[in-house]
C-alpha atoms as a PDB file:
ATOM      1  CA  MET A   1     -77.115 -33.634 -19.413  1.00  0.00           C
ATOM      2  CA  VAL A   2     -75.497 -30.810 -17.429  1.00  0.00           C
ATOM      3  CA  ALA A   3     -72.359 -32.871 -16.957  1.00  0.00           C
ATOM      4  CA  SER A   4     -72.055 -33.435 -20.698  1.00  0.00           C
ATOM      5  CA  ALA A   5     -72.441 -29.661 -21.295  1.00  0.00           C
ATOM      6  CA  VAL A   6     -69.536 -28.950 -18.891  1.00  0.00           C
ATOM      7  CA  HIS A   7     -67.329 -31.491 -20.639  1.00  0.00           C
ATOM      8  CA  ALA A   8     -68.358 -30.103 -24.012  1.00  0.00           C
ATOM      9  CA  THR A   9     -66.818 -26.692 -23.204  1.00  0.00           C
ATOM     10  CA  SER A  10     -63.610 -26.450 -25.207  1.00  0.00           C
ATOM     11  CA  PRO A  11     -60.312 -25.177 -23.782  1.00  0.00           C
ATOM     12  CA  GLY A  12     -60.497 -22.248 -26.233  1.00  0.00           C
ATOM     13  CA  ALA A  13     -63.862 -21.229 -24.854  1.00  0.00           C
ATOM     14  CA  ARG A  14     -62.531 -21.352 -21.271  1.00  0.00           C
ATOM     15  CA  LEU A  15     -59.532 -19.243 -22.273  1.00  0.00           C
ATOM     16  CA  GLY A  16     -61.833 -16.782 -24.018  1.00  0.00           C
ATOM     17  CA  SER A  17     -63.987 -16.376 -20.930  1.00  0.00           C
ATOM     18  CA  LEU A  18     -60.869 -15.976 -18.751  1.00  0.00           C
ATOM     19  CA  VAL A  19     -59.347 -13.302 -21.013  1.00  0.00           C
ATOM     20  CA  GLY A  20     -62.705 -11.562 -21.189  1.00  0.00           C
ATOM     21  CA  SER A  21     -62.812 -11.214 -17.406  1.00  0.00           C
ATOM     22  CA  PRO A  22     -61.801  -7.807 -15.965  1.00  0.00           C
ATOM     23  CA  TRP A  23     -60.061  -9.604 -13.083  1.00  0.00           C
ATOM     24  CA  PHE A  24     -57.721 -11.310 -15.529  1.00  0.00           C
ATOM     25  CA  TRP A  25     -56.546  -7.925 -16.791  1.00  0.00           C
ATOM     26  CA  VAL A  26     -56.184  -6.505 -13.300  1.00  0.00           C
ATOM     27  CA  ALA A  27     -53.957  -9.458 -12.370  1.00  0.00           C
ATOM     28  CA  ALA A  28     -51.959  -9.301 -15.626  1.00  0.00           C
ATOM     29  CA  ILE A  29     -51.297  -5.551 -15.358  1.00  0.00           C
ATOM     30  CA  GLY A  30     -50.479  -5.919 -11.665  1.00  0.00           C
ATOM     31  CA  LEU A  31     -47.845  -8.566 -12.447  1.00  0.00           C
ATOM     32  CA  LEU A  32     -46.481  -6.653 -15.409  1.00  0.00           C
ATOM     33  CA  PHE A  33     -45.950  -3.386 -13.539  1.00  0.00           C
ATOM     34  CA  GLY A  34     -45.801  -4.632  -9.970  1.00  0.00           C
ATOM     35  CA  ALA A  35     -42.786  -6.930 -10.408  1.00  0.00           C
ATOM     36  CA  PRO A  36     -40.331  -4.161 -11.424  1.00  0.00           C
ATOM     37  CA  PHE A  37     -41.734  -1.913  -8.696  1.00  0.00           C
ATOM     38  CA  LEU A  38     -41.187  -4.594  -6.051  1.00  0.00           C
ATOM     39  CA  ARG A  39     -37.733  -5.354  -7.408  1.00  0.00           C
ATOM     40  CA  GLY A  40     -36.880  -1.648  -7.051  1.00  0.00           C
ATOM     41  CA  LEU A  41     -38.159  -1.567  -3.492  1.00  0.00           C
ATOM     42  CA  LEU A  42     -36.155  -4.626  -2.528  1.00  0.00           C
ATOM     43  CA  ALA A  43     -32.951  -3.530  -4.301  1.00  0.00           C
ATOM     44  CA  GLU A  44     -29.969  -2.367  -2.323  1.00  0.00           C
ATOM     45  CA  ARG A  45     -29.876   1.266  -1.334  1.00  0.00           C
ATOM     46  CA  PRO A  46     -27.291   3.444  -3.082  1.00  0.00           C
ATOM     47  CA  PRO A  47     -24.009   3.589  -1.203  1.00  0.00           C
ATOM     48  CA  ALA A  48     -23.571   6.367   1.313  1.00  0.00           C
ATOM     49  CA  PRO A  49     -21.295   9.291   0.463  1.00  0.00           C
ATOM     50  CA  PRO A  50     -17.770   9.074   1.852  1.00  0.00           C
ATOM     51  CA  PRO A  51     -17.270  10.289   5.430  1.00  0.00           C
ATOM     52  CA  VAL A  52     -15.796  13.642   6.395  1.00  0.00           C
ATOM     53  CA  LEU A  53     -12.081  13.183   7.156  1.00  0.00           C
ATOM     54  CA  GLY A  54     -11.147  16.754   8.057  1.00  0.00           C
ATOM     55  CA  THR A  55     -11.039  20.264   6.629  1.00  0.00           C
ATOM     56  CA  PHE A  56      -8.902  21.474   3.753  1.00  0.00           C
ATOM     57  CA  PRO A  57      -6.586  24.271   4.943  1.00  0.00           C
ATOM     58  CA  PRO A  58      -6.971  27.807   3.635  1.00  0.00           C
ATOM     59  CA  PHE A  59      -4.757  28.990   0.784  1.00  0.00           C
ATOM     60  CA  ALA A  60      -4.386  31.908  -1.633  1.00  0.00           C
ATOM     61  CA  LEU A  61      -2.087  31.257  -4.609  1.00  0.00           C
ATOM     62  CA  GLY A  62      -1.491  32.353  -8.189  1.00  0.00           C
ATOM     63  CA  ASP A  63      -2.008  29.912 -11.029  1.00  0.00           C
ATOM     64  CA  ASP A  64      -0.266  29.409 -14.364  1.00  0.00           C
ATOM     65  CA  ARG A  65      -2.631  31.868 -16.075  1.00  0.00           C
ATOM     66  CA  GLY A  66      -1.809  34.688 -13.683  1.00  0.00           C
ATOM     67  CA  GLU A  67      -5.126  34.360 -11.836  1.00  0.00           C
ATOM     68  CA  ARG A  68      -5.444  34.196  -8.074  1.00  0.00           C
ATOM     69  CA  LEU A  69      -7.287  31.263  -6.511  1.00  0.00           C
ATOM     70  CA  SER A  70      -8.063  30.902  -2.832  1.00  0.00           C
ATOM     71  CA  THR A  71     -10.374  28.969  -0.558  1.00  0.00           C
ATOM     72  CA  ALA A  72     -12.568  32.092  -0.556  1.00  0.00           C
ATOM     73  CA  THR A  73     -12.804  32.252  -4.371  1.00  0.00           C
ATOM     74  CA  LEU A  74     -13.494  28.529  -4.823  1.00  0.00           C
ATOM     75  CA  GLY A  75     -17.142  29.179  -4.159  1.00  0.00           C
ATOM     76  CA  ARG A  76     -18.877  25.884  -3.473  1.00  0.00           C
ATOM     77  CA  HIS A  77     -16.858  23.834  -5.941  1.00  0.00           C
ATOM     78  CA  ALA A  78     -15.808  20.324  -5.059  1.00  0.00           C
ATOM     79  CA  PHE A  79     -12.292  19.482  -6.186  1.00  0.00           C
ATOM     80  CA  ILE A  80      -9.627  16.821  -6.356  1.00  0.00           C
ATOM     81  CA  ALA A  81      -6.174  18.068  -5.399  1.00  0.00           C
ATOM     82  CA  ASN A  82      -2.651  16.755  -5.739  1.00  0.00           C
ATOM     83  CA  LEU A  83       0.945  17.959  -5.398  1.00  0.00           C
ATOM     84  CA  LEU A  84       2.900  18.513  -8.584  1.00  0.00           C
ATOM     85  CA  CYS A  85       6.667  18.570  -8.210  1.00  0.00           C
ATOM     86  CA  THR A  86       8.053  20.133 -11.389  1.00  0.00           C
ATOM     87  CA  GLY A  87      11.655  19.258 -10.501  1.00  0.00           C
ATOM     88  CA  CYS A  88      10.974  15.621  -9.565  1.00  0.00           C
ATOM     89  CA  GLY A  89      11.381  14.015 -12.977  1.00  0.00           C
ATOM     90  CA  ALA A  90       9.253  10.882 -13.335  1.00  0.00           C
ATOM     91  CA  GLU A  91       7.198  11.556 -10.195  1.00  0.00           C
ATOM     92  CA  GLY A  92       6.231  15.008 -11.454  1.00  0.00           C
ATOM     93  CA  SER A  93       5.319  13.586 -14.850  1.00  0.00           C
ATOM     94  CA  LEU A  94       3.174  10.925 -13.155  1.00  0.00           C
ATOM     95  CA  ALA A  95       1.320  13.581 -11.154  1.00  0.00           C
ATOM     96  CA  ALA A  96       0.671  15.658 -14.295  1.00  0.00           C
ATOM     97  CA  GLU A  97      -0.460  12.566 -16.209  1.00  0.00           C
ATOM     98  CA  THR A  98      -2.777  11.600 -13.325  1.00  0.00           C
ATOM     99  CA  LEU A  99      -4.426  15.013 -13.527  1.00  0.00           C
ATOM    100  CA  ARG A 100      -4.771  14.716 -17.288  1.00  0.00           C
ATOM    101  CA  LYS A 101      -6.528  11.356 -16.877  1.00  0.00           C
ATOM    102  CA  LEU A 102      -8.774  12.733 -14.140  1.00  0.00           C
ATOM    103  CA  GLN A 103      -9.668  15.693 -16.304  1.00  0.00           C
ATOM    104  CA  HIS A 104     -10.599  13.458 -19.217  1.00  0.00           C
ATOM    105  CA  ARG A 105     -12.546  10.946 -17.141  1.00  0.00           C
ATOM    106  CA  SER A 106     -14.467  13.600 -15.177  1.00  0.00           C
ATOM    107  CA  ARG A 107     -15.471  15.667 -18.211  1.00  0.00           C
ATOM    108  CA  ASN A 108     -19.127  14.591 -17.902  1.00  0.00           C
ATOM    109  CA  LEU A 109     -19.258  16.309 -14.486  1.00  0.00           C
ATOM    110  CA  GLY A 110     -18.634  19.643 -16.194  1.00  0.00           C
ATOM    111  CA  ASP A 111     -17.866  22.585 -13.958  1.00  0.00           C
ATOM    112  CA  ALA A 112     -19.097  20.760 -10.847  1.00  0.00           C
ATOM    113  CA  LEU A 113     -15.677  19.192 -10.144  1.00  0.00           C
ATOM    114  CA  TRP A 114     -12.444  21.162 -10.327  1.00  0.00           C
ATOM    115  CA  LEU A 115      -8.904  19.811 -10.316  1.00  0.00           C
ATOM    116  CA  LEU A 116      -6.255  21.655  -8.293  1.00  0.00           C
ATOM    117  CA  SER A 117      -2.575  20.902  -8.532  1.00  0.00           C
ATOM    118  CA  PHE A 118      -0.326  22.553  -5.952  1.00  0.00           C
ATOM    119  CA  SER A 119       3.307  22.900  -6.980  1.00  0.00           C
ATOM    120  CA  PRO A 120       5.600  23.740  -4.067  1.00  0.00           C
ATOM    121  CA  ASP A 121       8.672  24.192  -6.292  1.00  0.00           C
ATOM    122  CA  ALA A 122       7.392  25.911  -9.453  1.00  0.00           C
ATOM    123  CA  ASP A 123       6.619  29.396 -10.604  1.00  0.00           C
ATOM    124  CA  ALA A 124       3.820  30.314 -13.001  1.00  0.00           C
ATOM    125  CA  GLY A 125       6.160  29.956 -16.010  1.00  0.00           C
ATOM    126  CA  ALA A 126       7.049  26.334 -15.214  1.00  0.00           C
ATOM    127  CA  LEU A 127       3.363  25.555 -14.714  1.00  0.00           C
ATOM    128  CA  ALA A 128       2.476  27.199 -18.023  1.00  0.00           C
ATOM    129  CA  ALA A 129       4.942  24.812 -19.695  1.00  0.00           C
ATOM    130  CA  ILE A 130       3.167  21.875 -18.047  1.00  0.00           C
ATOM    131  CA  ARG A 131      -0.183  23.156 -19.297  1.00  0.00           C
ATOM    132  CA  ARG A 132       1.202  23.297 -22.842  1.00  0.00           C
ATOM    133  CA  GLU A 133       2.267  19.646 -22.511  1.00  0.00           C
ATOM    134  CA  HIS A 134      -1.109  18.658 -21.064  1.00  0.00           C
ATOM    135  CA  PRO A 135      -3.730  20.973 -22.615  1.00  0.00           C
ATOM    136  CA  SER A 136      -6.622  21.381 -20.269  1.00  0.00           C
ATOM    137  CA  SER A 137      -9.920  22.988 -19.591  1.00  0.00           C
ATOM    138  CA  GLU A 138     -10.877  25.892 -17.410  1.00  0.00           C
ATOM    139  CA  ARG A 139     -11.515  23.613 -14.440  1.00  0.00           C
ATOM    140  CA  LEU A 140      -7.868  22.577 -14.015  1.00  0.00           C
ATOM    141  CA  PHE A 141      -5.828  24.941 -11.859  1.00  0.00           C
ATOM    142  CA  LEU A 142      -2.029  24.633 -11.680  1.00  0.00           C
ATOM    143  CA  LEU A 143      -1.098  26.583  -8.553  1.00  0.00           C
ATOM    144  CA  ALA A 144       2.359  28.008  -7.881  1.00  0.00           C
ATOM    145  CA  GLY A 145       3.163  27.153  -4.291  1.00  0.00           C
ATOM    146  CA  ALA A 146       1.730  25.032  -1.523  1.00  0.00           C
ATOM    147  CA  PRO A 147       1.455  26.096   2.114  1.00  0.00           C
ATOM    148  CA  ALA A 148       2.898  23.649   4.650  1.00  0.00           C
ATOM    149  CA  SER A 149      -0.642  22.842   5.817  1.00  0.00           C
ATOM    150  CA  VAL A 150      -1.549  21.738   2.267  1.00  0.00           C
ATOM    151  CA  ARG A 151       1.694  19.777   1.767  1.00  0.00           C
ATOM    152  CA  ALA A 152       0.976  17.892   5.007  1.00  0.00           C
ATOM    153  CA  LEU A 153      -2.095  16.325   3.365  1.00  0.00           C
ATOM    154  CA  PHE A 154       0.079  14.458   0.856  1.00  0.00           C
ATOM    155  CA  PRO A 155       2.350  11.891   2.498  1.00  0.00           C
ATOM    156  CA  ALA A 156       5.679  11.724   0.661  1.00  0.00           C
ATOM    157  CA  GLY A 157       4.303  14.357  -1.723  1.00  0.00           C
ATOM    158  CA  LYS A 158       1.971  11.878  -3.412  1.00  0.00           C
ATOM    159  CA  GLY A 159      -1.687  11.067  -3.685  1.00  0.00           C
ATOM    160  CA  LEU A 160      -5.033  12.685  -4.339  1.00  0.00           C
ATOM    161  CA  VAL A 161      -7.416  14.402  -1.935  1.00  0.00           C
ATOM    162  CA  LEU A 162     -11.148  14.794  -2.616  1.00  0.00           C
ATOM    163  CA  VAL A 163     -12.718  17.928  -1.121  1.00  0.00           C
ATOM    164  CA  ASP A 164     -16.411  18.832  -1.150  1.00  0.00           C
ATOM    165  CA  GLY A 165     -17.929  22.274  -1.723  1.00  0.00           C
ATOM    166  CA  ARG A 166     -17.701  23.077   1.997  1.00  0.00           C
ATOM    167  CA  LEU A 167     -13.921  22.441   2.070  1.00  0.00           C
ATOM    168  CA  ARG A 168     -14.342  19.136   3.888  1.00  0.00           C
ATOM    169  CA  ILE A 169     -11.926  16.362   2.976  1.00  0.00           C
ATOM    170  CA  ARG A 170     -13.966  13.386   1.770  1.00  0.00           C
ATOM    171  CA  GLY A 171     -11.332  11.005   0.462  1.00  0.00           C
ATOM    172  CA  ARG A 172      -7.624  10.242   0.139  1.00  0.00           C
ATOM    173  CA  TYR A 173      -6.201   8.058  -2.608  1.00  0.00           C
ATOM    174  CA  PRO A 174      -2.645   6.959  -3.474  1.00  0.00           C
ATOM    175  CA  GLY A 175      -3.232   8.064  -7.088  1.00  0.00           C
ATOM    176  CA  THR A 176      -0.812   5.556  -8.559  1.00  0.00           C
ATOM    177  CA  THR A 177      -3.190   2.988 -10.078  1.00  0.00           C
ATOM    178  CA  PRO A 178      -6.272   3.162 -12.314  1.00  0.00           C
ATOM    179  CA  THR A 179      -8.413   1.876  -9.421  1.00  0.00           C
ATOM    180  CA  ASP A 180      -7.350   4.902  -7.341  1.00  0.00           C
ATOM    181  CA  LEU A 181      -8.759   7.152 -10.047  1.00  0.00           C
ATOM    182  CA  ASP A 182     -11.905   5.023 -10.221  1.00  0.00           C
ATOM    183  CA  ASP A 183     -12.360   5.333  -6.459  1.00  0.00           C
ATOM    184  CA  ALA A 184     -11.763   9.092  -6.453  1.00  0.00           C
ATOM    185  CA  LEU A 185     -14.235   9.699  -9.284  1.00  0.00           C
ATOM    186  CA  ARG A 186     -16.858   7.371  -7.786  1.00  0.00           C
ATOM    187  CA  ASP A 187     -16.625   9.187  -4.444  1.00  0.00           C
ATOM    188  CA  ALA A 188     -16.665  12.576  -6.189  1.00  0.00           C
ATOM    189  CA  ALA A 189     -19.923  11.652  -7.911  1.00  0.00           C
ATOM    190  CA  ARG A 190     -21.419  10.635  -4.556  1.00  0.00           C
ATOM    191  CA  VAL A 191     -20.293  13.894  -2.950  1.00  0.00           C
ATOM    192  CA  LEU A 192     -21.733  15.932  -5.814  1.00  0.00           C
ATOM    193  CA  ALA A 193     -25.059  14.098  -5.465  1.00  0.00           C
ATOM    194  CA  GLU A 194     -25.429  15.161  -1.831  1.00  0.00           C
ATOM    195  CA  PRO A 195     -28.165  17.685  -1.104  1.00  0.00           C
END
C-alpha cells in the first residue's frame, strides 16, 4: 500500500514540494547571483598602465592667446604633445588635423587631458591663424617655440608623446594612422586612472 502511495504522487506535487523547500530558493538565488560574481572573479585583469619611458624636459613658452605655459604651470595635468611645423605645408596640416581629432575624441576626459602643440617655427600670430582654422577648447595649447630637448622627443619632427601628471613620458606614437590615435587615447585613459 505504501508503494502505491509513492507512485500515486504526481510530478506536479513533487515540483510543488521542491519549490516550497527553502533549500531550493537558496540554491536558485546562489546560482542566479553567484554565476556573474564568479565570472567577474575569473575575468582577465584590466591591462596595466603603460611603462615610464623617461621625463619630459622643462619648458616655458607663450601660446597663441598670449598666455605663458611652462612645466611649472601645468600643475598635475596629463597631456599629449606633438610638433607643429607651420611652414611645412602638408605635414603641418596633418599635425594640426591630428590635434583636432584628438581634441574631439578626448572630449569626454574633460580637463583631465590637455593637448600641447609645440611649434618651433611659428610666432603667436601664425598659431592664432591655426586656431581659427581648427577652433578648439581651453585644453589645447599652441605653443610658439620648442626647446631642443623637446624637439629631440619627436623623430623627424613627427609623432605624439603621452605625458602623465608627473611629467613622465608614458607613450610614443607615430600619429599618422587612426590606430595611433586609438592607442594614445587608450593609454591616456589608463594613465588617468592611476591612483
